[in-house]
N, C-alpha and C. Protein backbone atom coordinates (compact mmCIF):
# COMPACT_ATOMS: atom_id res chain seq x y z
N MET A 1 13.76 -52.15 52.72
CA MET A 1 12.57 -51.94 51.90
C MET A 1 13.10 -51.58 50.46
N ARG A 2 12.52 -52.15 49.47
CA ARG A 2 12.93 -52.00 48.07
C ARG A 2 12.30 -50.58 47.65
N ALA A 3 13.21 -49.71 46.94
CA ALA A 3 12.68 -48.52 46.45
C ALA A 3 11.76 -48.74 45.24
N ALA A 4 10.69 -47.92 45.22
CA ALA A 4 9.67 -48.05 44.16
C ALA A 4 10.18 -47.55 42.82
N ARG A 5 9.81 -48.13 41.83
CA ARG A 5 10.11 -47.75 40.52
C ARG A 5 9.24 -46.47 40.21
N GLU A 6 9.92 -45.48 39.41
CA GLU A 6 9.19 -44.37 38.94
C GLU A 6 8.37 -44.78 37.77
N ALA A 7 7.83 -43.82 37.10
CA ALA A 7 6.82 -44.02 35.99
C ALA A 7 7.31 -45.18 35.06
N TYR A 8 6.48 -46.12 34.86
CA TYR A 8 6.63 -47.24 33.83
C TYR A 8 6.28 -46.76 32.59
N VAL A 9 7.24 -46.84 31.65
CA VAL A 9 7.06 -46.16 30.33
C VAL A 9 6.97 -47.24 29.20
N ILE A 10 5.88 -47.21 28.46
CA ILE A 10 5.73 -48.01 27.35
C ILE A 10 5.96 -47.25 26.10
N LEU A 11 6.66 -47.81 25.15
CA LEU A 11 7.03 -47.13 23.78
C LEU A 11 5.75 -47.20 23.04
N ASP A 12 5.19 -46.04 22.63
CA ASP A 12 4.04 -45.98 21.91
C ASP A 12 4.38 -45.94 20.39
N TRP A 13 4.79 -47.09 19.87
CA TRP A 13 5.40 -47.27 18.58
C TRP A 13 4.44 -48.30 17.86
N PRO A 14 3.81 -48.04 16.77
CA PRO A 14 2.90 -49.00 16.13
C PRO A 14 3.67 -50.23 15.73
N GLY A 15 3.02 -51.37 16.01
CA GLY A 15 3.55 -52.63 15.53
C GLY A 15 4.81 -53.08 16.30
N CYS A 16 5.18 -52.54 17.44
CA CYS A 16 6.35 -52.79 18.11
C CYS A 16 5.92 -53.49 19.44
N ARG A 17 6.50 -54.76 19.52
CA ARG A 17 6.09 -55.63 20.70
C ARG A 17 6.95 -55.44 21.78
N ASN A 18 6.49 -55.45 23.09
CA ASN A 18 7.34 -55.40 24.26
C ASN A 18 8.22 -54.23 24.24
N GLY A 19 7.78 -53.11 23.75
CA GLY A 19 8.65 -51.99 23.75
C GLY A 19 8.51 -51.09 25.08
N ARG A 20 9.61 -50.86 25.73
CA ARG A 20 9.60 -50.03 26.88
C ARG A 20 11.01 -49.29 27.20
N ASP A 21 10.84 -48.28 27.80
CA ASP A 21 11.99 -47.38 28.21
C ASP A 21 12.37 -47.96 29.61
N LEU A 22 13.63 -48.23 29.87
CA LEU A 22 14.13 -48.93 31.09
C LEU A 22 14.55 -47.69 32.14
N GLY A 23 14.11 -46.56 31.96
CA GLY A 23 14.34 -45.55 32.82
C GLY A 23 13.56 -45.66 34.18
N GLY A 24 13.90 -45.04 35.19
CA GLY A 24 13.26 -45.01 36.40
C GLY A 24 13.42 -46.19 37.41
N LEU A 25 14.27 -47.18 37.07
CA LEU A 25 14.47 -48.28 37.88
C LEU A 25 15.45 -47.90 39.01
N PRO A 26 15.20 -48.20 40.24
CA PRO A 26 16.18 -47.78 41.32
C PRO A 26 17.40 -48.59 41.29
N THR A 27 18.58 -47.92 41.64
CA THR A 27 19.86 -48.61 41.65
C THR A 27 20.18 -48.76 43.06
N MET A 28 21.13 -49.71 43.28
CA MET A 28 21.43 -50.13 44.78
C MET A 28 22.14 -49.03 45.41
N ASP A 29 22.77 -47.97 44.78
CA ASP A 29 23.36 -46.85 45.36
C ASP A 29 22.36 -45.72 45.62
N GLY A 30 21.14 -45.89 45.48
CA GLY A 30 20.15 -44.85 45.79
C GLY A 30 19.77 -43.99 44.52
N GLY A 31 20.40 -44.29 43.41
CA GLY A 31 20.02 -43.55 42.21
C GLY A 31 18.96 -44.12 41.38
N ARG A 32 18.84 -43.84 40.17
CA ARG A 32 17.82 -44.31 39.16
C ARG A 32 18.53 -44.49 37.88
N THR A 33 17.89 -45.38 37.10
CA THR A 33 18.26 -45.45 35.69
C THR A 33 17.70 -44.24 34.88
N ARG A 34 18.40 -43.87 33.93
CA ARG A 34 18.05 -42.60 33.21
C ARG A 34 16.94 -42.91 32.11
N TYR A 35 15.98 -42.06 32.04
CA TYR A 35 14.97 -42.18 30.93
C TYR A 35 15.61 -41.79 29.60
N GLY A 36 15.25 -42.67 28.57
CA GLY A 36 15.83 -42.32 27.21
C GLY A 36 17.23 -42.87 27.02
N ALA A 37 17.80 -43.57 27.97
CA ALA A 37 19.19 -44.04 27.68
C ALA A 37 19.18 -45.44 27.16
N LEU A 38 18.34 -46.30 27.74
CA LEU A 38 18.34 -47.75 27.27
C LEU A 38 16.87 -48.15 27.12
N LEU A 39 16.53 -48.64 25.96
CA LEU A 39 15.12 -49.01 25.65
C LEU A 39 15.21 -50.50 25.05
N ARG A 40 14.13 -51.15 25.24
CA ARG A 40 14.05 -52.61 24.81
C ARG A 40 12.77 -52.80 23.86
N SER A 41 12.78 -53.78 22.93
CA SER A 41 11.60 -54.02 22.25
C SER A 41 11.85 -55.33 21.47
N GLY A 42 10.78 -55.72 20.83
CA GLY A 42 10.76 -56.85 19.87
C GLY A 42 11.11 -56.24 18.42
N GLY A 43 10.86 -57.02 17.40
CA GLY A 43 10.91 -56.56 16.10
C GLY A 43 10.20 -55.31 15.69
N HIS A 44 10.63 -54.55 14.89
CA HIS A 44 9.80 -53.40 14.45
C HIS A 44 10.12 -53.01 13.02
N ASP A 45 9.98 -54.05 12.11
CA ASP A 45 10.28 -53.96 10.76
C ASP A 45 9.30 -53.06 9.92
N GLY A 46 8.29 -52.62 10.62
CA GLY A 46 7.26 -51.76 9.92
C GLY A 46 7.41 -50.38 10.52
N LEU A 47 8.35 -50.05 11.43
CA LEU A 47 8.33 -48.73 12.03
C LEU A 47 9.08 -47.64 11.15
N ASP A 48 8.36 -46.50 11.13
CA ASP A 48 8.87 -45.40 10.44
C ASP A 48 10.25 -44.88 11.14
N PRO A 49 11.28 -44.67 10.46
CA PRO A 49 12.59 -44.15 11.02
C PRO A 49 12.38 -42.97 11.75
N SER A 50 11.38 -42.06 11.41
CA SER A 50 11.26 -40.85 12.17
C SER A 50 10.91 -41.03 13.57
N VAL A 51 10.40 -42.19 13.98
CA VAL A 51 9.95 -42.40 15.40
C VAL A 51 11.22 -42.43 16.17
N LEU A 52 12.34 -43.05 15.68
CA LEU A 52 13.50 -43.11 16.46
C LEU A 52 14.18 -41.75 16.52
N ARG A 53 14.12 -40.95 15.52
CA ARG A 53 14.74 -39.59 15.50
C ARG A 53 13.95 -38.88 16.53
N ASP A 54 12.63 -38.88 16.62
CA ASP A 54 11.93 -38.18 17.67
C ASP A 54 12.14 -38.55 19.07
N ALA A 55 12.48 -39.83 19.24
CA ALA A 55 12.88 -40.46 20.59
C ALA A 55 14.28 -40.19 20.97
N GLY A 56 15.10 -39.62 20.03
CA GLY A 56 16.48 -39.31 20.39
C GLY A 56 17.30 -40.66 20.42
N ILE A 57 16.99 -41.61 19.65
CA ILE A 57 17.72 -42.79 19.72
C ILE A 57 19.06 -42.62 18.78
N GLY A 58 20.20 -42.94 19.41
CA GLY A 58 21.38 -42.83 18.60
C GLY A 58 21.97 -44.13 18.07
N ARG A 59 21.44 -45.33 18.61
CA ARG A 59 21.87 -46.58 18.24
C ARG A 59 20.85 -47.60 18.30
N VAL A 60 20.66 -48.47 17.31
CA VAL A 60 19.75 -49.56 17.31
C VAL A 60 20.62 -50.87 17.25
N VAL A 61 20.48 -51.70 18.22
CA VAL A 61 21.25 -52.91 18.27
C VAL A 61 20.34 -54.13 18.00
N ASP A 62 20.60 -54.79 16.98
CA ASP A 62 19.68 -55.90 16.47
C ASP A 62 20.39 -57.17 16.86
N LEU A 63 19.77 -57.88 17.74
CA LEU A 63 20.40 -59.22 18.18
C LEU A 63 19.99 -60.33 17.52
N ARG A 64 19.33 -60.31 16.34
CA ARG A 64 18.63 -61.40 15.65
C ARG A 64 19.76 -62.09 14.78
N TRP A 65 19.43 -63.37 14.56
CA TRP A 65 20.33 -64.08 13.51
C TRP A 65 20.19 -63.42 12.10
N ALA A 66 21.28 -63.74 11.38
CA ALA A 66 21.29 -63.10 9.99
C ALA A 66 20.04 -63.54 9.15
N ARG A 67 19.66 -64.75 9.37
CA ARG A 67 18.51 -65.23 8.49
C ARG A 67 17.24 -64.53 8.89
N GLU A 68 17.09 -64.10 10.18
CA GLU A 68 15.94 -63.35 10.58
C GLU A 68 15.98 -61.94 9.95
N CYS A 69 17.18 -61.38 9.84
CA CYS A 69 17.23 -60.04 9.25
C CYS A 69 17.06 -60.07 7.82
N VAL A 70 17.26 -61.17 7.12
CA VAL A 70 16.85 -61.35 5.73
C VAL A 70 15.42 -61.40 5.53
N GLU A 71 14.78 -62.30 6.42
CA GLU A 71 13.25 -62.53 6.31
C GLU A 71 12.47 -61.36 6.65
N ARG A 72 12.99 -60.57 7.67
CA ARG A 72 12.24 -59.35 8.10
C ARG A 72 13.31 -58.24 8.33
N PRO A 73 13.68 -57.60 7.25
CA PRO A 73 14.81 -56.50 7.34
C PRO A 73 14.45 -55.42 8.17
N SER A 74 15.34 -55.01 8.96
CA SER A 74 15.26 -53.74 9.81
C SER A 74 15.05 -52.55 8.95
N PRO A 75 14.17 -51.59 9.24
CA PRO A 75 14.07 -50.40 8.44
C PRO A 75 15.29 -49.49 8.70
N PHE A 76 16.10 -49.81 9.61
CA PHE A 76 17.28 -48.89 9.88
C PHE A 76 18.56 -49.57 9.42
N ALA A 77 18.58 -50.71 8.90
CA ALA A 77 19.79 -51.46 8.33
C ALA A 77 20.33 -50.49 7.26
N GLY A 78 21.72 -50.33 7.25
CA GLY A 78 22.31 -49.54 6.34
C GLY A 78 22.39 -47.97 6.67
N THR A 79 21.78 -47.69 7.88
CA THR A 79 21.86 -46.33 8.39
C THR A 79 22.89 -46.17 9.49
N PRO A 80 23.34 -44.96 9.75
CA PRO A 80 24.40 -44.88 10.83
C PRO A 80 24.07 -45.43 12.23
N VAL A 81 22.67 -45.38 12.48
CA VAL A 81 22.29 -45.69 13.81
C VAL A 81 22.39 -47.26 14.03
N TYR A 82 22.42 -48.05 12.95
CA TYR A 82 22.12 -49.43 13.11
C TYR A 82 23.38 -50.26 13.30
N ARG A 83 23.26 -51.28 14.22
CA ARG A 83 24.34 -52.24 14.37
C ARG A 83 23.71 -53.73 14.50
N HIS A 84 24.23 -54.58 13.76
CA HIS A 84 23.81 -55.99 13.86
C HIS A 84 24.76 -56.70 14.75
N ALA A 85 24.30 -57.29 15.93
CA ALA A 85 25.20 -57.96 16.90
C ALA A 85 24.42 -59.26 17.31
N PRO A 86 24.46 -60.21 16.37
CA PRO A 86 23.78 -61.50 16.74
C PRO A 86 24.27 -62.14 17.97
N MET A 87 23.34 -62.39 18.96
CA MET A 87 23.76 -62.71 20.28
C MET A 87 23.86 -64.19 20.55
N LEU A 88 23.26 -65.01 19.67
CA LEU A 88 23.33 -66.59 19.80
C LEU A 88 24.08 -67.04 18.57
N ASN A 89 24.71 -68.23 18.91
CA ASN A 89 25.32 -68.97 17.83
C ASN A 89 24.19 -69.50 16.91
N ASP A 90 24.45 -69.66 15.68
CA ASP A 90 23.43 -69.91 14.61
C ASP A 90 22.91 -71.31 14.94
N VAL A 91 21.59 -71.53 15.05
CA VAL A 91 20.99 -72.92 15.27
C VAL A 91 19.79 -72.85 14.36
N LEU A 92 19.42 -73.96 14.09
CA LEU A 92 18.17 -74.22 13.28
C LEU A 92 16.86 -74.17 13.98
N ASP A 93 16.94 -74.85 15.24
CA ASP A 93 15.74 -74.91 16.12
C ASP A 93 16.03 -74.51 17.50
N TYR A 94 15.77 -73.23 17.71
CA TYR A 94 16.05 -72.71 19.08
C TYR A 94 14.74 -72.78 19.86
N GLU A 95 14.71 -73.32 21.04
CA GLU A 95 13.60 -73.31 22.03
C GLU A 95 13.98 -72.67 23.17
N PRO A 96 13.08 -71.57 23.60
CA PRO A 96 13.43 -70.76 24.88
C PRO A 96 13.31 -71.66 26.02
N PRO A 97 14.11 -71.43 26.98
CA PRO A 97 14.11 -72.32 28.16
C PRO A 97 12.89 -72.04 29.08
N ASP A 98 12.52 -73.05 29.77
CA ASP A 98 11.33 -72.88 30.73
C ASP A 98 11.69 -72.13 32.02
N ASP A 99 12.93 -72.36 32.46
CA ASP A 99 13.29 -71.86 33.91
C ASP A 99 14.51 -71.05 34.00
N SER A 100 15.36 -71.02 32.92
CA SER A 100 16.61 -70.20 33.19
C SER A 100 17.34 -70.10 31.87
N TYR A 101 18.02 -68.86 31.66
CA TYR A 101 18.83 -68.55 30.52
C TYR A 101 20.24 -68.88 30.79
N GLY A 102 20.58 -69.61 31.82
CA GLY A 102 21.93 -69.97 32.19
C GLY A 102 22.68 -70.56 31.01
N PRO A 103 22.06 -71.54 30.29
CA PRO A 103 22.78 -72.14 29.13
C PRO A 103 23.05 -71.15 28.08
N MET A 104 22.21 -70.11 27.90
CA MET A 104 22.48 -69.08 26.91
C MET A 104 23.72 -68.28 27.30
N LEU A 105 23.84 -68.03 28.61
CA LEU A 105 25.00 -67.24 29.18
C LEU A 105 26.31 -68.09 28.84
N ASP A 106 26.19 -69.40 29.21
CA ASP A 106 27.34 -70.25 29.13
C ASP A 106 27.82 -70.48 27.69
N HIS A 107 26.97 -70.65 26.73
CA HIS A 107 27.37 -71.05 25.42
C HIS A 107 27.54 -69.99 24.41
N ASN A 108 27.17 -68.67 24.86
CA ASN A 108 27.30 -67.71 23.85
C ASN A 108 28.09 -66.42 24.51
N ARG A 109 29.05 -66.72 25.29
CA ARG A 109 29.69 -65.57 26.06
C ARG A 109 30.36 -64.56 25.22
N VAL A 110 31.02 -65.10 24.12
CA VAL A 110 31.70 -64.11 23.24
C VAL A 110 30.80 -63.25 22.47
N ARG A 111 29.67 -63.82 22.03
CA ARG A 111 28.69 -62.99 21.30
C ARG A 111 27.94 -62.05 22.16
N ILE A 112 27.63 -62.49 23.40
CA ILE A 112 27.00 -61.61 24.31
C ILE A 112 27.94 -60.48 24.71
N ALA A 113 29.17 -60.78 24.97
CA ALA A 113 30.12 -59.75 25.24
C ALA A 113 30.28 -58.72 24.04
N ASN A 114 30.16 -59.15 22.89
CA ASN A 114 30.27 -58.34 21.72
C ASN A 114 29.09 -57.48 21.67
N ALA A 115 27.84 -57.91 21.88
CA ALA A 115 26.71 -57.16 21.96
C ALA A 115 26.70 -56.06 22.99
N PHE A 116 27.22 -56.46 24.28
CA PHE A 116 27.41 -55.42 25.21
C PHE A 116 28.37 -54.40 24.76
N ARG A 117 29.44 -54.68 24.08
CA ARG A 117 30.39 -53.79 23.63
C ARG A 117 29.78 -52.79 22.57
N VAL A 118 28.78 -53.24 21.81
CA VAL A 118 28.24 -52.47 20.87
C VAL A 118 27.33 -51.40 21.53
N VAL A 119 26.73 -51.78 22.67
CA VAL A 119 25.94 -50.81 23.40
C VAL A 119 26.83 -49.78 24.10
N ALA A 120 27.93 -50.28 24.74
CA ALA A 120 28.79 -49.39 25.42
C ALA A 120 29.50 -48.31 24.43
N GLU A 121 29.67 -48.75 23.19
CA GLU A 121 30.48 -47.72 22.26
C GLU A 121 29.46 -46.94 21.44
N ALA A 122 28.16 -46.96 21.82
CA ALA A 122 27.19 -46.21 21.05
C ALA A 122 27.49 -44.71 21.20
N PRO A 123 27.01 -43.93 20.14
CA PRO A 123 27.22 -42.61 20.22
C PRO A 123 26.10 -41.95 21.09
N THR A 124 26.14 -40.54 21.08
CA THR A 124 25.26 -39.88 21.97
C THR A 124 23.85 -40.26 21.58
N GLY A 125 22.90 -40.28 22.60
CA GLY A 125 21.44 -40.64 22.35
C GLY A 125 21.19 -42.00 23.01
N GLY A 126 19.89 -42.34 22.97
CA GLY A 126 19.41 -43.54 23.54
C GLY A 126 19.86 -44.70 22.74
N VAL A 127 19.92 -45.89 23.36
CA VAL A 127 20.24 -47.14 22.75
C VAL A 127 19.01 -48.16 22.70
N LEU A 128 18.54 -48.50 21.69
CA LEU A 128 17.37 -49.54 21.64
C LEU A 128 17.92 -50.79 21.23
N VAL A 129 17.63 -51.85 22.22
CA VAL A 129 18.08 -53.15 22.03
C VAL A 129 16.94 -53.99 21.59
N HIS A 130 16.98 -54.90 20.67
CA HIS A 130 15.86 -55.65 20.23
C HIS A 130 16.20 -56.89 19.64
N CYS A 131 15.26 -57.91 19.64
CA CYS A 131 15.41 -59.18 18.92
C CYS A 131 14.13 -59.37 18.08
N HIS A 132 13.74 -60.53 17.99
CA HIS A 132 12.37 -60.76 17.35
C HIS A 132 11.24 -60.48 18.22
N ALA A 133 11.13 -61.07 19.40
CA ALA A 133 10.03 -61.02 20.28
C ALA A 133 10.32 -60.04 21.38
N GLY A 134 11.60 -59.69 21.58
CA GLY A 134 11.94 -58.68 22.77
C GLY A 134 11.87 -59.37 23.98
N ARG A 135 12.21 -60.66 24.09
CA ARG A 135 12.05 -61.49 25.32
C ARG A 135 13.37 -62.25 25.66
N ASP A 136 13.76 -63.22 24.87
CA ASP A 136 14.91 -64.03 25.42
C ASP A 136 16.25 -63.29 25.25
N ARG A 137 16.68 -63.05 24.01
CA ARG A 137 17.97 -62.44 23.71
C ARG A 137 18.00 -61.06 24.37
N THR A 138 16.91 -60.27 24.06
CA THR A 138 16.87 -58.90 24.56
C THR A 138 16.83 -58.96 26.08
N GLY A 139 16.11 -59.91 26.77
CA GLY A 139 16.05 -60.02 28.11
C GLY A 139 17.30 -60.27 28.78
N VAL A 140 18.15 -61.21 28.25
CA VAL A 140 19.46 -61.43 28.78
C VAL A 140 20.48 -60.30 28.75
N LEU A 141 20.50 -59.74 27.46
CA LEU A 141 21.39 -58.55 27.37
C LEU A 141 21.01 -57.39 28.32
N VAL A 142 19.73 -57.11 28.29
CA VAL A 142 19.31 -55.99 29.22
C VAL A 142 19.53 -56.39 30.60
N ALA A 143 19.39 -57.58 31.02
CA ALA A 143 19.69 -58.05 32.55
C ALA A 143 21.13 -57.64 32.75
N LEU A 144 22.05 -57.93 31.87
CA LEU A 144 23.48 -57.66 32.10
C LEU A 144 23.70 -56.13 32.17
N LEU A 145 23.04 -55.42 31.32
CA LEU A 145 23.23 -53.94 31.21
C LEU A 145 22.83 -53.17 32.55
N LEU A 146 21.60 -53.75 32.96
CA LEU A 146 20.97 -53.18 34.12
C LEU A 146 21.82 -53.54 35.39
N GLN A 147 22.25 -54.84 35.42
CA GLN A 147 23.12 -55.11 36.63
C GLN A 147 24.43 -54.29 36.68
N VAL A 148 25.01 -54.17 35.43
CA VAL A 148 26.20 -53.23 35.37
C VAL A 148 25.86 -51.86 35.89
N ALA A 149 24.66 -51.32 35.51
CA ALA A 149 24.23 -49.98 35.95
C ALA A 149 23.87 -49.94 37.38
N GLY A 150 23.78 -51.02 38.19
CA GLY A 150 23.60 -51.07 39.55
C GLY A 150 22.24 -51.36 39.97
N VAL A 151 21.33 -51.79 39.03
CA VAL A 151 20.04 -52.29 39.39
C VAL A 151 20.03 -53.64 40.02
N GLY A 152 19.22 -53.86 40.97
CA GLY A 152 19.27 -55.16 41.80
C GLY A 152 18.52 -56.22 41.04
N ALA A 153 18.75 -57.41 41.48
CA ALA A 153 18.14 -58.60 40.79
C ALA A 153 16.71 -58.63 40.82
N ASP A 154 16.02 -58.19 42.05
CA ASP A 154 14.53 -58.23 42.02
C ASP A 154 13.96 -57.25 41.07
N GLU A 155 14.53 -56.10 40.88
CA GLU A 155 14.01 -55.09 39.87
C GLU A 155 14.14 -55.55 38.52
N ILE A 156 15.45 -56.22 38.18
CA ILE A 156 15.60 -56.70 36.86
C ILE A 156 14.68 -57.88 36.52
N ALA A 157 14.36 -58.75 37.48
CA ALA A 157 13.38 -59.82 37.19
C ALA A 157 11.96 -59.28 37.00
N ASP A 158 11.61 -58.21 37.78
CA ASP A 158 10.28 -57.65 37.73
C ASP A 158 10.07 -56.98 36.39
N ASP A 159 11.09 -56.34 35.82
CA ASP A 159 10.98 -55.65 34.56
C ASP A 159 10.90 -56.78 33.46
N TYR A 160 11.63 -57.86 33.53
CA TYR A 160 11.46 -58.87 32.66
C TYR A 160 10.07 -59.45 32.62
N ALA A 161 9.46 -59.60 33.71
CA ALA A 161 8.02 -60.20 33.95
C ALA A 161 7.08 -59.23 33.16
N ARG A 162 7.41 -58.04 32.91
CA ARG A 162 6.42 -57.21 32.09
C ARG A 162 6.36 -57.57 30.60
N THR A 163 7.30 -58.46 30.25
CA THR A 163 7.27 -58.91 28.82
C THR A 163 6.11 -59.91 28.65
N ASP A 164 5.52 -59.82 27.48
CA ASP A 164 4.34 -60.73 27.07
C ASP A 164 4.63 -62.11 27.45
N GLY A 165 3.69 -62.74 28.34
CA GLY A 165 3.78 -64.13 28.49
C GLY A 165 4.76 -64.61 29.46
N CYS A 166 5.44 -63.67 30.22
CA CYS A 166 6.61 -64.07 31.03
C CYS A 166 6.30 -63.85 32.47
N THR A 167 7.00 -64.65 33.42
CA THR A 167 7.05 -64.39 34.78
C THR A 167 8.59 -64.01 35.21
N ALA A 168 8.53 -63.67 36.47
CA ALA A 168 9.94 -63.28 36.93
C ALA A 168 10.84 -64.45 37.11
N THR A 169 10.27 -65.64 37.26
CA THR A 169 11.18 -66.79 37.70
C THR A 169 12.33 -67.07 36.79
N PRO A 170 12.16 -67.20 35.51
CA PRO A 170 13.29 -67.51 34.59
C PRO A 170 14.47 -66.51 34.77
N MET A 171 14.13 -65.25 34.85
CA MET A 171 15.20 -64.22 34.99
C MET A 171 15.73 -64.33 36.48
N GLN A 172 15.02 -64.54 37.51
CA GLN A 172 15.53 -64.79 38.81
C GLN A 172 16.55 -65.90 38.81
N ASN A 173 16.21 -67.09 38.13
CA ASN A 173 17.11 -68.17 38.16
C ASN A 173 18.33 -67.91 37.32
N THR A 174 18.12 -67.24 36.17
CA THR A 174 19.27 -66.75 35.38
C THR A 174 20.26 -65.82 36.15
N LEU A 175 19.85 -64.83 36.82
CA LEU A 175 20.67 -63.94 37.68
C LEU A 175 21.40 -64.83 38.75
N ALA A 176 20.64 -65.75 39.29
CA ALA A 176 21.37 -66.61 40.36
C ALA A 176 22.41 -67.25 39.78
N HIS A 177 22.23 -67.92 38.59
CA HIS A 177 23.32 -68.69 37.78
C HIS A 177 24.39 -67.69 37.55
N LEU A 178 24.17 -66.58 37.10
CA LEU A 178 25.14 -65.62 36.82
C LEU A 178 26.18 -65.34 37.89
N GLU A 179 25.45 -65.13 39.04
CA GLU A 179 26.30 -64.83 40.28
C GLU A 179 26.94 -66.08 40.80
N ARG A 180 26.39 -67.20 40.86
CA ARG A 180 27.01 -68.47 41.27
C ARG A 180 28.14 -68.87 40.44
N ARG A 181 28.00 -68.88 39.09
CA ARG A 181 29.03 -69.36 38.24
C ARG A 181 30.07 -68.32 37.91
N TYR A 182 29.74 -67.11 37.66
CA TYR A 182 30.78 -66.08 37.19
C TYR A 182 31.05 -64.96 38.25
N GLY A 183 30.16 -64.84 39.31
CA GLY A 183 30.35 -63.70 40.17
C GLY A 183 29.75 -62.44 39.87
N GLY A 184 28.75 -62.50 38.86
CA GLY A 184 28.01 -61.34 38.48
C GLY A 184 28.27 -60.89 37.01
N ALA A 185 27.47 -59.82 36.68
CA ALA A 185 27.63 -59.40 35.30
C ALA A 185 29.00 -58.74 34.90
N VAL A 186 29.56 -58.09 35.83
CA VAL A 186 30.82 -57.37 35.50
C VAL A 186 31.91 -58.47 35.33
N ALA A 187 31.99 -59.41 36.23
CA ALA A 187 32.94 -60.47 36.08
C ALA A 187 32.77 -61.28 34.84
N TYR A 188 31.54 -61.51 34.53
CA TYR A 188 31.19 -62.33 33.28
C TYR A 188 31.70 -61.58 32.14
N LEU A 189 31.43 -60.29 32.01
CA LEU A 189 31.75 -59.56 30.81
C LEU A 189 33.32 -59.25 30.66
N VAL A 190 33.95 -58.87 31.78
CA VAL A 190 35.32 -58.72 31.69
C VAL A 190 36.09 -59.96 31.37
N GLY A 191 35.59 -61.12 32.01
CA GLY A 191 36.19 -62.33 31.77
C GLY A 191 36.06 -62.76 30.33
N ALA A 192 35.12 -62.16 29.54
CA ALA A 192 34.94 -62.50 28.20
C ALA A 192 35.66 -61.47 27.27
N GLY A 193 36.37 -60.59 27.83
CA GLY A 193 37.21 -59.63 27.10
C GLY A 193 36.75 -58.21 27.04
N VAL A 194 35.69 -57.87 27.63
CA VAL A 194 35.12 -56.51 27.58
C VAL A 194 36.01 -55.67 28.44
N GLU A 195 36.43 -54.52 27.98
CA GLU A 195 37.35 -53.67 28.69
C GLU A 195 36.61 -53.07 29.86
N PRO A 196 37.32 -52.90 31.01
CA PRO A 196 36.62 -52.20 32.16
C PRO A 196 36.08 -50.88 31.84
N ALA A 197 36.76 -50.09 30.89
CA ALA A 197 36.36 -48.74 30.65
C ALA A 197 34.93 -48.84 29.94
N LEU A 198 34.65 -49.87 29.24
CA LEU A 198 33.40 -49.97 28.58
C LEU A 198 32.33 -50.27 29.54
N VAL A 199 32.61 -51.14 30.61
CA VAL A 199 31.68 -51.40 31.61
C VAL A 199 31.41 -50.11 32.40
N ALA A 200 32.30 -49.27 32.68
CA ALA A 200 32.17 -48.00 33.28
C ALA A 200 31.33 -47.06 32.43
N ALA A 201 31.48 -47.13 31.13
CA ALA A 201 30.82 -46.28 30.16
C ALA A 201 29.28 -46.53 30.25
N VAL A 202 28.98 -47.89 30.31
CA VAL A 202 27.54 -48.20 30.34
C VAL A 202 26.93 -47.85 31.72
N ARG A 203 27.68 -47.95 32.85
CA ARG A 203 27.14 -47.48 34.06
C ARG A 203 26.83 -46.10 34.08
N THR A 204 27.79 -45.18 33.50
CA THR A 204 27.67 -43.82 33.42
C THR A 204 26.34 -43.44 32.50
N LYS A 205 26.35 -44.08 31.37
CA LYS A 205 25.20 -43.81 30.39
C LYS A 205 23.84 -44.13 30.97
N VAL A 206 23.67 -45.24 31.65
CA VAL A 206 22.34 -45.74 31.96
C VAL A 206 21.91 -45.22 33.34
N SER A 207 22.72 -44.92 34.32
CA SER A 207 22.32 -44.67 35.57
C SER A 207 22.36 -43.21 36.07
N THR A 208 22.38 -42.35 35.12
CA THR A 208 22.20 -40.91 35.39
C THR A 208 20.80 -40.49 35.09
N SER A 209 20.13 -40.03 36.06
CA SER A 209 18.62 -39.63 35.79
C SER A 209 18.37 -38.34 35.17
N VAL A 210 17.53 -38.28 34.12
CA VAL A 210 17.06 -37.17 33.54
C VAL A 210 15.55 -37.32 33.24
N PRO A 211 14.83 -36.27 32.95
CA PRO A 211 13.33 -36.34 32.69
C PRO A 211 13.14 -37.19 31.47
N PRO A 212 12.08 -38.02 31.38
CA PRO A 212 11.73 -38.78 30.26
C PRO A 212 11.44 -37.99 28.98
N TYR A 213 11.73 -38.44 27.79
CA TYR A 213 11.39 -37.69 26.53
C TYR A 213 9.85 -37.88 26.36
N GLN A 214 9.40 -37.30 25.27
CA GLN A 214 7.99 -37.05 25.10
C GLN A 214 7.27 -38.09 24.27
N SER A 215 7.99 -39.01 23.48
CA SER A 215 7.30 -39.96 22.54
C SER A 215 7.05 -41.22 23.30
N VAL A 216 6.30 -41.18 24.42
CA VAL A 216 5.96 -42.35 25.24
C VAL A 216 4.64 -42.13 25.86
N ARG A 217 4.11 -43.22 26.36
CA ARG A 217 2.68 -43.04 27.09
C ARG A 217 2.86 -43.88 28.30
N ARG A 218 2.25 -43.34 29.31
CA ARG A 218 2.30 -44.05 30.70
C ARG A 218 1.03 -44.67 30.96
N PRO A 219 0.98 -45.95 31.35
CA PRO A 219 -0.22 -46.70 31.71
C PRO A 219 -0.95 -45.95 32.94
N THR A 220 -2.12 -45.89 32.88
CA THR A 220 -2.84 -45.45 34.09
C THR A 220 -3.12 -46.53 35.09
């Protein structure tokens, strides 16, 4: 029997799409992901920086292309919390896949590994990962982070399906591809040059459970 997720936490941030705290997910060793440790969202170029301070965010990881950052600058660019880690090779016409992010994993392994490293090396506080919509790039990196933390494939896919306009199927197929071709997230990342100590650092950071912080709302 699958363990139930604890409180599903939406980020109550004005103008922020697909924002949620990834705390409360069950891990395969019987634990939980920690509230306030790992958060995901879409773009938030209109967000007041005080919101992140109130939420205890210590690192913002921006996965967008450079041209996107020029068109819609992050309000946190140039501050100590901000890191730009573009996760995809530059392309003019990106079309999200219908059924799997396997090609994204295959063709952007070095960039994805670098984005993971930025999360692993983050200072004290929560880490907010985002792209433009908070769906494709964010979804893939978050899936790797959660699998490293010990969250099972079904729970990862279920969380992905909470993203606007998404179902669990593309993420289920992506995780199957990850396992079949690479042997899972850890092997994928270490094979791309991520140090095992950084993999362990993410596991420790994300999978220790503490009470949620206050700047959230829980759907009824």
